Amino acid sequence: MVNLRFLGGYLKELTQNVFGLRSKCQSTRRLDGQVVVITGANTGIGKETALQLSLRGAKIIIGCRDVNKANGAVDEIRAKNPNANLN
């Protein structure tokens, strides 16, 4: 038997993703002087999070298993935000 609550939640998430209705962070708070450690920041949500937090002035420490992919992500983030403080 299909769990209707699960199915309803799944359909809601799918609809929000397809139509771009997902809530986005509206905060403009500066993060100068803050240090953020992000694992898996070489792709996907981790990389986008690193970019967005770097735009707010945070120092970002990227943890990745593959050093070459990490360096590629750092290069991409610095291309979009030359002032990014990334390690």
PDB file of N, CA and C in Angstrom:
ATOM      1  N   MET A   1       0.839  -1.189   0.000  1.00  0.00           N
ATOM      2  CA  MET A   1       0.000   0.000   0.000  1.00  0.00           C
ATOM      3  C   MET A   1       0.878   1.245   0.000  1.00  0.00           C
ATOM      4  N   VAL A   2       0.496   2.215  -0.768  1.00  0.00           N
ATOM      5  CA  VAL A   2       1.244   3.453  -0.899  1.00  0.00           C
ATOM      6  C   VAL A   2       0.936   4.358   0.286  1.00  0.00           C
ATOM      7  N   ASN A   3       1.986   4.899   0.884  1.00  0.00           N
ATOM      8  CA  ASN A   3       1.823   5.847   1.974  1.00  0.00           C
ATOM      9  C   ASN A   3       1.429   7.195   1.355  1.00  0.00           C
ATOM     10  N   LEU A   4       0.178   7.607   1.535  1.00  0.00           N
ATOM     11  CA  LEU A   4      -0.325   8.816   0.892  1.00  0.00           C
ATOM     12  C   LEU A   4       0.364  10.077   1.405  1.00  0.00           C
ATOM     13  N   ARG A   5       0.724  10.090   2.689  1.00  0.00           N
ATOM     14  CA  ARG A   5       1.411  11.266   3.240  1.00  0.00           C
ATOM     15  C   ARG A   5       2.768  11.436   2.543  1.00  0.00           C
ATOM     16  N   PHE A   6       3.487  10.326   2.373  1.00  0.00           N
ATOM     17  CA  PHE A   6       4.779  10.379   1.688  1.00  0.00           C
ATOM     18  C   PHE A   6       4.598  10.827   0.245  1.00  0.00           C
ATOM     19  N   LEU A   7       3.632  10.242  -0.433  1.00  0.00           N
ATOM     20  CA  LEU A   7       3.379  10.576  -1.832  1.00  0.00           C
ATOM     21  C   LEU A   7       3.009  12.048  -1.982  1.00  0.00           C
ATOM     22  N   GLY A   8       2.177  12.564  -1.079  1.00  0.00           N
ATOM     23  CA  GLY A   8       1.788  13.977  -1.123  1.00  0.00           C
ATOM     24  C   GLY A   8       2.990  14.885  -0.929  1.00  0.00           C
ATOM     25  N   GLY A   9       3.858  14.541   0.020  1.00  0.00           N
ATOM     26  CA  GLY A   9       5.074  15.324   0.255  1.00  0.00           C
ATOM     27  C   GLY A   9       5.997  15.292  -0.947  1.00  0.00           C
ATOM     28  N   TYR A  10       6.122  14.128  -1.536  1.00  0.00           N
ATOM     29  CA  TYR A  10       6.968  13.974  -2.727  1.00  0.00           C
ATOM     30  C   TYR A  10       6.441  14.822  -3.880  1.00  0.00           C
ATOM     31  N   LEU A  11       5.139  14.772  -4.119  1.00  0.00           N
ATOM     32  CA  LEU A  11       4.552  15.558  -5.210  1.00  0.00           C
ATOM     33  C   LEU A  11       4.698  17.062  -4.962  1.00  0.00           C
ATOM     34  N   LYS A  12       4.570  17.478  -3.707  1.00  0.00           N
ATOM     35  CA  LYS A  12       4.754  18.893  -3.366  1.00  0.00           C
ATOM     36  C   LYS A  12       6.188  19.326  -3.682  1.00  0.00           C
ATOM     37  N   GLU A  13       7.178  18.535  -3.255  1.00  0.00           N
ATOM     38  CA  GLU A  13       8.585  18.850  -3.522  1.00  0.00           C
ATOM     39  C   GLU A  13       8.851  18.903  -5.025  1.00  0.00           C
ATOM     40  N   LEU A  14       8.331  17.930  -5.748  1.00  0.00           N
ATOM     41  CA  LEU A  14       8.533  17.883  -7.195  1.00  0.00           C
ATOM     42  C   LEU A  14       7.949  19.124  -7.863  1.00  0.00           C
ATOM     43  N   THR A  15       6.745  19.505  -7.478  1.00  0.00           N
ATOM     44  CA  THR A  15       6.087  20.680  -8.046  1.00  0.00           C
ATOM     45  C   THR A  15       6.882  21.938  -7.755  1.00  0.00           C
ATOM     46  N   GLN A  16       7.362  22.075  -6.517  1.00  0.00           N
ATOM     47  CA  GLN A  16       8.143  23.259  -6.158  1.00  0.00           C
ATOM     48  C   GLN A  16       9.433  23.327  -6.961  1.00  0.00           C
ATOM     49  N   ASN A  17      10.071  22.189  -7.167  1.00  0.00           N
ATOM     50  CA  ASN A  17      11.314  22.167  -7.931  1.00  0.00           C
ATOM     51  C   ASN A  17      11.077  22.509  -9.399  1.00  0.00           C
ATOM     52  N   VAL A  18      10.048  21.932  -9.982  1.00  0.00           N
ATOM     53  CA  VAL A  18       9.778  22.119 -11.404  1.00  0.00           C
ATOM     54  C   VAL A  18       9.393  23.568 -11.701  1.00  0.00           C
ATOM     55  N   PHE A  19       8.586  24.174 -10.851  1.00  0.00           N
ATOM     56  CA  PHE A  19       8.083  25.513 -11.117  1.00  0.00           C
ATOM     57  C   PHE A  19       8.869  26.614 -10.396  1.00  0.00           C
ATOM     58  N   GLY A  20       9.944  26.258  -9.725  1.00  0.00           N
ATOM     59  CA  GLY A  20      10.776  27.265  -9.055  1.00  0.00           C
ATOM     60  C   GLY A  20      10.081  27.951  -7.895  1.00  0.00           C
ATOM     61  N   LEU A  21       9.195  27.240  -7.221  1.00  0.00           N
ATOM     62  CA  LEU A  21       8.432  27.833  -6.127  1.00  0.00           C
ATOM     63  C   LEU A  21       9.076  27.614  -4.758  1.00  0.00           C
ATOM     64  N   ARG A  22      10.239  27.015  -4.750  1.00  0.00           N
ATOM     65  CA  ARG A  22      10.925  26.707  -3.505  1.00  0.00           C
ATOM     66  C   ARG A  22      11.334  27.998  -2.794  1.00  0.00           C
ATOM     67  N   SER A  23      11.198  28.018  -1.489  1.00  0.00           N
ATOM     68  CA  SER A  23      11.612  29.182  -0.712  1.00  0.00           C
ATOM     69  C   SER A  23      13.115  29.359  -0.804  1.00  0.00           C
ATOM     70  N   LYS A  24      13.547  30.599  -0.921  1.00  0.00           N
ATOM     71  CA  LYS A  24      14.961  30.913  -0.987  1.00  0.00           C
ATOM     72  C   LYS A  24      15.319  31.785   0.203  1.00  0.00           C
ATOM     73  N   CYS A  25      16.557  31.699   0.616  1.00  0.00           N
ATOM     74  CA  CYS A  25      17.022  32.497   1.732  1.00  0.00           C
ATOM     75  C   CYS A  25      16.951  33.972   1.356  1.00  0.00           C
ATOM     76  N   GLN A  26      16.278  34.761   2.154  1.00  0.00           N
ATOM     77  CA  GLN A  26      16.119  36.181   1.879  1.00  0.00           C
ATOM     78  C   GLN A  26      17.068  37.044   2.709  1.00  0.00           C
ATOM     79  N   SER A  27      17.848  36.420   3.582  1.00  0.00           N
ATOM     80  CA  SER A  27      18.742  37.156   4.470  1.00  0.00           C
ATOM     81  C   SER A  27      19.847  37.850   3.683  1.00  0.00           C
ATOM     82  N   THR A  28      20.191  39.042   4.117  1.00  0.00           N
ATOM     83  CA  THR A  28      21.311  39.776   3.537  1.00  0.00           C
ATOM     84  C   THR A  28      22.397  39.995   4.589  1.00  0.00           C
ATOM     85  N   ARG A  29      22.310  39.267   5.680  1.00  0.00           N
ATOM     86  CA  ARG A  29      23.246  39.416   6.797  1.00  0.00           C
ATOM     87  C   ARG A  29      24.676  39.173   6.333  1.00  0.00           C
ATOM     88  N   ARG A  30      25.578  40.054   6.715  1.00  0.00           N
ATOM     89  CA  ARG A  30      26.992  39.912   6.412  1.00  0.00           C
ATOM     90  C   ARG A  30      27.604  38.881   7.352  1.00  0.00           C
ATOM     91  N   LEU A  31      28.575  38.143   6.861  1.00  0.00           N
ATOM     92  CA  LEU A  31      29.227  37.099   7.649  1.00  0.00           C
ATOM     93  C   LEU A  31      30.724  37.367   7.791  1.00  0.00           C
ATOM     94  N   ASP A  32      31.112  38.629   7.697  1.00  0.00           N
ATOM     95  CA  ASP A  32      32.516  38.992   7.829  1.00  0.00           C
ATOM     96  C   ASP A  32      33.059  38.495   9.172  1.00  0.00           C
ATOM     97  N   GLY A  33      34.241  37.875   9.142  1.00  0.00           N
ATOM     98  CA  GLY A  33      34.856  37.365  10.363  1.00  0.00           C
ATOM     99  C   GLY A  33      34.380  35.981  10.762  1.00  0.00           C
ATOM    100  N   GLN A  34      33.391  35.434  10.067  1.00  0.00           N
ATOM    101  CA  GLN A  34      32.874  34.108  10.375  1.00  0.00           C
ATOM    102  C   GLN A  34      33.610  33.066   9.532  1.00  0.00           C
ATOM    103  N   VAL A  35      33.837  31.900  10.113  1.00  0.00           N
ATOM    104  CA  VAL A  35      34.483  30.801   9.406  1.00  0.00           C
ATOM    105  C   VAL A  35      33.452  29.695   9.211  1.00  0.00           C
ATOM    106  N   VAL A  36      33.328  29.219   7.981  1.00  0.00           N
ATOM    107  CA  VAL A  36      32.354  28.180   7.649  1.00  0.00           C
ATOM    108  C   VAL A  36      33.098  27.003   7.026  1.00  0.00           C
ATOM    109  N   VAL A  37      32.856  25.803   7.551  1.00  0.00           N
ATOM    110  CA  VAL A  37      33.435  24.588   6.984  1.00  0.00           C
ATOM    111  C   VAL A  37      32.344  23.878   6.199  1.00  0.00           C
ATOM    112  N   ILE A  38      32.612  23.626   4.929  1.00  0.00           N
ATOM    113  CA  ILE A  38      31.630  22.951   4.073  1.00  0.00           C
ATOM    114  C   ILE A  38      32.274  21.713   3.482  1.00  0.00           C
ATOM    115  N   THR A  39      31.687  20.564   3.752  1.00  0.00           N
ATOM    116  CA  THR A  39      32.178  19.325   3.156  1.00  0.00           C
ATOM    117  C   THR A  39      31.413  19.075   1.864  1.00  0.00           C
ATOM    118  N   GLY A  40      32.087  18.507   0.904  1.00  0.00           N
ATOM    119  CA  GLY A  40      31.441  18.234  -0.385  1.00  0.00           C
ATOM    120  C   GLY A  40      31.156  19.491  -1.168  1.00  0.00           C
ATOM    121  N   ALA A  41      32.009  20.494  -1.018  1.00  0.00           N
ATOM    122  CA  ALA A  41      31.759  21.781  -1.664  1.00  0.00           C
ATOM    123  C   ALA A  41      32.295  21.855  -3.086  1.00  0.00           C
ATOM    124  N   ASN A  42      32.675  20.726  -3.652  1.00  0.00           N
ATOM    125  CA  ASN A  42      33.188  20.758  -5.027  1.00  0.00           C
ATOM    126  C   ASN A  42      32.079  20.644  -6.071  1.00  0.00           C
ATOM    127  N   THR A  43      30.866  20.278  -5.668  1.00  0.00           N
ATOM    128  CA  THR A  43      29.750  20.193  -6.620  1.00  0.00           C
ATOM    129  C   THR A  43      28.436  20.524  -5.927  1.00  0.00           C
ATOM    130  N   GLY A  44      27.426  20.758  -6.714  1.00  0.00           N
ATOM    131  CA  GLY A  44      26.050  20.851  -6.246  1.00  0.00           C
ATOM    132  C   GLY A  44      25.781  21.886  -5.174  1.00  0.00           C
ATOM    133  N   ILE A  45      24.972  21.474  -4.205  1.00  0.00           N
ATOM    134  CA  ILE A  45      24.549  22.369  -3.128  1.00  0.00           C
ATOM    135  C   ILE A  45      25.738  22.882  -2.330  1.00  0.00           C
ATOM    136  N   GLY A  46      26.717  22.025  -2.094  1.00  0.00           N
ATOM    137  CA  GLY A  46      27.887  22.446  -1.336  1.00  0.00           C
ATOM    138  C   GLY A  46      28.630  23.579  -2.017  1.00  0.00           C
ATOM    139  N   LYS A  47      28.812  23.484  -3.325  1.00  0.00           N
ATOM    140  CA  LYS A  47      29.528  24.529  -4.065  1.00  0.00           C
ATOM    141  C   LYS A  47      28.725  25.818  -4.094  1.00  0.00           C
ATOM    142  N   GLU A  48      27.434  25.713  -4.314  1.00  0.00           N
ATOM    143  CA  GLU A  48      26.584  26.907  -4.333  1.00  0.00           C
ATOM    144  C   GLU A  48      26.543  27.563  -2.959  1.00  0.00           C
ATOM    145  N   THR A  49      26.505  26.750  -1.905  1.00  0.00           N
ATOM    146  CA  THR A  49      26.527  27.293  -0.549  1.00  0.00           C
ATOM    147  C   THR A  49      27.830  28.035  -0.297  1.00  0.00           C
ATOM    148  N   ALA A  50      28.949  27.444  -0.710  1.00  0.00           N
ATOM    149  CA  ALA A  50      30.252  28.096  -0.552  1.00  0.00           C
ATOM    150  C   ALA A  50      30.274  29.433  -1.289  1.00  0.00           C
ATOM    151  N   LEU A  51      29.751  29.467  -2.493  1.00  0.00           N
ATOM    152  CA  LEU A  51      29.704  30.709  -3.256  1.00  0.00           C
ATOM    153  C   LEU A  51      28.860  31.762  -2.540  1.00  0.00           C
ATOM    154  N   GLN A  52      27.658  31.386  -2.152  1.00  0.00           N
ATOM    155  CA  GLN A  52      26.747  32.355  -1.534  1.00  0.00           C
ATOM    156  C   GLN A  52      27.293  32.895  -0.211  1.00  0.00           C
ATOM    157  N   LEU A  53      27.880  32.023   0.593  1.00  0.00           N
ATOM    158  CA  LEU A  53      28.431  32.483   1.867  1.00  0.00           C
ATOM    159  C   LEU A  53      29.681  33.328   1.652  1.00  0.00           C
ATOM    160  N   SER A  54      30.452  33.025   0.610  1.00  0.00           N
ATOM    161  CA  SER A  54      31.628  33.852   0.314  1.00  0.00           C
ATOM    162  C   SER A  54      31.201  35.246  -0.138  1.00  0.00           C
ATOM    163  N   LEU A  55      30.074  35.336  -0.822  1.00  0.00           N
ATOM    164  CA  LEU A  55      29.567  36.643  -1.243  1.00  0.00           C
ATOM    165  C   LEU A  55      29.166  37.498  -0.051  1.00  0.00           C
ATOM    166  N   ARG A  56      28.877  36.863   1.067  1.00  0.00           N
ATOM    167  CA  ARG A  56      28.522  37.586   2.293  1.00  0.00           C
ATOM    168  C   ARG A  56      29.731  37.859   3.177  1.00  0.00           C
ATOM    169  N   GLY A  57      30.910  37.456   2.722  1.00  0.00           N
ATOM    170  CA  GLY A  57      32.129  37.797   3.436  1.00  0.00           C
ATOM    171  C   GLY A  57      32.682  36.728   4.357  1.00  0.00           C
ATOM    172  N   ALA A  58      32.100  35.556   4.394  1.00  0.00           N
ATOM    173  CA  ALA A  58      32.591  34.489   5.272  1.00  0.00           C
ATOM    174  C   ALA A  58      33.872  33.888   4.716  1.00  0.00           C
ATOM    175  N   LYS A  59      34.722  33.404   5.622  1.00  0.00           N
ATOM    176  CA  LYS A  59      35.885  32.621   5.218  1.00  0.00           C
ATOM    177  C   LYS A  59      35.402  31.195   5.064  1.00  0.00           C
ATOM    178  N   ILE A  60      35.646  30.588   3.920  1.00  0.00           N
ATOM    179  CA  ILE A  60      35.137  29.256   3.612  1.00  0.00           C
ATOM    180  C   ILE A  60      36.277  28.252   3.611  1.00  0.00           C
ATOM    181  N   ILE A  61      36.098  27.179   4.349  1.00  0.00           N
ATOM    182  CA  ILE A  61      37.026  26.057   4.319  1.00  0.00           C
ATOM    183  C   ILE A  61      36.298  24.915   3.627  1.00  0.00           C
ATOM    184  N   ILE A  62      36.847  24.504   2.494  1.00  0.00           N
ATOM    185  CA  ILE A  62      36.216  23.466   1.680  1.00  0.00           C
ATOM    186  C   ILE A  62      36.856  22.120   1.984  1.00  0.00           C
ATOM    187  N   GLY A  63      36.033  21.148   2.331  1.00  0.00           N
ATOM    188  CA  GLY A  63      36.504  19.786   2.549  1.00  0.00           C
ATOM    189  C   GLY A  63      36.009  18.875   1.441  1.00  0.00           C
ATOM    190  N   CYS A  64      36.935  18.292   0.686  1.00  0.00           N
ATOM    191  CA  CYS A  64      36.582  17.400  -0.419  1.00  0.00           C
ATOM    192  C   CYS A  64      37.521  16.200  -0.419  1.00  0.00           C
ATOM    193  N   ARG A  65      37.057  15.086  -0.961  1.00  0.00           N
ATOM    194  CA  ARG A  65      37.899  13.897  -1.070  1.00  0.00           C
ATOM    195  C   ARG A  65      38.901  14.006  -2.201  1.00  0.00           C
ATOM    196  N   ASP A  66      38.543  14.718  -3.247  1.00  0.00           N
ATOM    197  CA  ASP A  66      39.396  14.827  -4.428  1.00  0.00           C
ATOM    198  C   ASP A  66      39.966  16.246  -4.506  1.00  0.00           C
ATOM    199  N   VAL A  67      41.271  16.376  -4.307  1.00  0.00           N
ATOM    200  CA  VAL A  67      41.921  17.687  -4.283  1.00  0.00           C
ATOM    201  C   VAL A  67      41.771  18.410  -5.615  1.00  0.00           C
ATOM    202  N   ASN A  68      41.861  17.694  -6.717  1.00  0.00           N
ATOM    203  CA  ASN A  68      41.728  18.334  -8.029  1.00  0.00           C
ATOM    204  C   ASN A  68      40.335  18.925  -8.232  1.00  0.00           C
ATOM    205  N   LYS A  69      39.312  18.200  -7.799  1.00  0.00           N
ATOM    206  CA  LYS A  69      37.944  18.717  -7.902  1.00  0.00           C
ATOM    207  C   LYS A  69      37.752  19.916  -6.974  1.00  0.00           C
ATOM    208  N   ALA A  70      38.362  19.849  -5.795  1.00  0.00           N
ATOM    209  CA  ALA A  70      38.275  20.967  -4.851  1.00  0.00           C
ATOM    210  C   ALA A  70      38.915  22.213  -5.454  1.00  0.00           C
ATOM    211  N   ASN A  71      40.092  22.046  -6.058  1.00  0.00           N
ATOM    212  CA  ASN A  71      40.765  23.189  -6.688  1.00  0.00           C
ATOM    213  C   ASN A  71      39.941  23.751  -7.838  1.00  0.00           C
ATOM    214  N   GLY A  72      39.274  22.877  -8.593  1.00  0.00           N
ATOM    215  CA  GLY A  72      38.397  23.333  -9.662  1.00  0.00           C
ATOM    216  C   GLY A  72      37.228  24.148  -9.130  1.00  0.00           C
ATOM    217  N   ALA A  73      36.652  23.688  -8.018  1.00  0.00           N
ATOM    218  CA  ALA A  73      35.540  24.411  -7.401  1.00  0.00           C
ATOM    219  C   ALA A  73      36.002  25.771  -6.891  1.00  0.00           C
ATOM    220  N   VAL A  74      37.184  25.802  -6.282  1.00  0.00           N
ATOM    221  CA  VAL A  74      37.736  27.071  -5.784  1.00  0.00           C
ATOM    222  C   VAL A  74      37.925  28.043  -6.953  1.00  0.00           C
ATOM    223  N   ASP A  75      38.456  27.556  -8.056  1.00  0.00           N
ATOM    224  CA  ASP A  75      38.648  28.407  -9.236  1.00  0.00           C
ATOM    225  C   ASP A  75      37.323  28.952  -9.757  1.00  0.00           C
ATOM    226  N   GLU A  76      36.298  28.102  -9.794  1.00  0.00           N
ATOM    227  CA  GLU A  76      34.978  28.535 -10.273  1.00  0.00           C
ATOM    228  C   GLU A  76      34.371  29.583  -9.346  1.00  0.00           C
ATOM    229  N   ILE A  77      34.503  29.364  -8.039  1.00  0.00           N
ATOM    230  CA  ILE A  77      33.945  30.316  -7.078  1.00  0.00           C
ATOM    231  C   ILE A  77      34.693  31.644  -7.168  1.00  0.00           C
ATOM    232  N   ARG A  78      36.017  31.589  -7.282  1.00  0.00           N
ATOM    233  CA  ARG A  78      36.804  32.826  -7.385  1.00  0.00           C
ATOM    234  C   ARG A  78      36.520  33.562  -8.692  1.00  0.00           C
ATOM    235  N   ALA A  79      36.153  32.842  -9.736  1.00  0.00           N
ATOM    236  CA  ALA A  79      35.786  33.498 -11.001  1.00  0.00           C
ATOM    237  C   ALA A  79      34.515  34.325 -10.819  1.00  0.00           C
ATOM    238  N   LYS A  80      33.602  33.841  -9.975  1.00  0.00           N
ATOM    239  CA  LYS A  80      32.345  34.547  -9.719  1.00  0.00           C
ATOM    240  C   LYS A  80      32.484  35.569  -8.601  1.00  0.00           C
ATOM    241  N   ASN A  81      33.414  35.326  -7.666  1.00  0.00           N
ATOM    242  CA  ASN A  81      33.633  36.230  -6.543  1.00  0.00           C
ATOM    243  C   ASN A  81      35.138  36.340  -6.295  1.00  0.00           C
ATOM    244  N   PRO A  82      35.792  37.282  -6.978  1.00  0.00           N
ATOM    245  CA  PRO A  82      37.251  37.419  -6.834  1.00  0.00           C
ATOM    246  C   PRO A  82      37.713  37.702  -5.406  1.00  0.00           C
ATOM    247  N   ASN A  83      36.830  38.227  -4.561  1.00  0.00           N
ATOM    248  CA  ASN A  83      37.199  38.541  -3.184  1.00  0.00           C
ATOM    249  C   ASN A  83      36.966  37.372  -2.229  1.00  0.00           C
ATOM    250  N   ALA A  84      36.594  36.217  -2.738  1.00  0.00           N
ATOM    251  CA  ALA A  84      36.295  35.069  -1.885  1.00  0.00           C
ATOM    252  C   ALA A  84      37.525  34.651  -1.085  1.00  0.00           C
ATOM    253  N   ASN A  85      37.303  34.370   0.200  1.00  0.00           N
ATOM    254  CA  ASN A  85      38.356  33.899   1.093  1.00  0.00           C
ATOM    255  C   ASN A  85      38.150  32.398   1.255  1.00  0.00           C
ATOM    256  N   LEU A  86      38.824  31.616   0.405  1.00  0.00           N
ATOM    257  CA  LEU A  86      38.633  30.164   0.355  1.00  0.00           C
ATOM    258  C   LEU A  86      39.913  29.431   0.718  1.00  0.00           C
ATOM    259  N   ASN A  87      39.777  28.368   1.504  1.00  0.00           N
ATOM    260  CA  ASN A  87      40.901  27.495   1.843  1.00  0.00           C
ATOM    261  C   ASN A  87      40.504  26.074   1.566  1.00  0.00           C
TER     262      ASN A  87
END
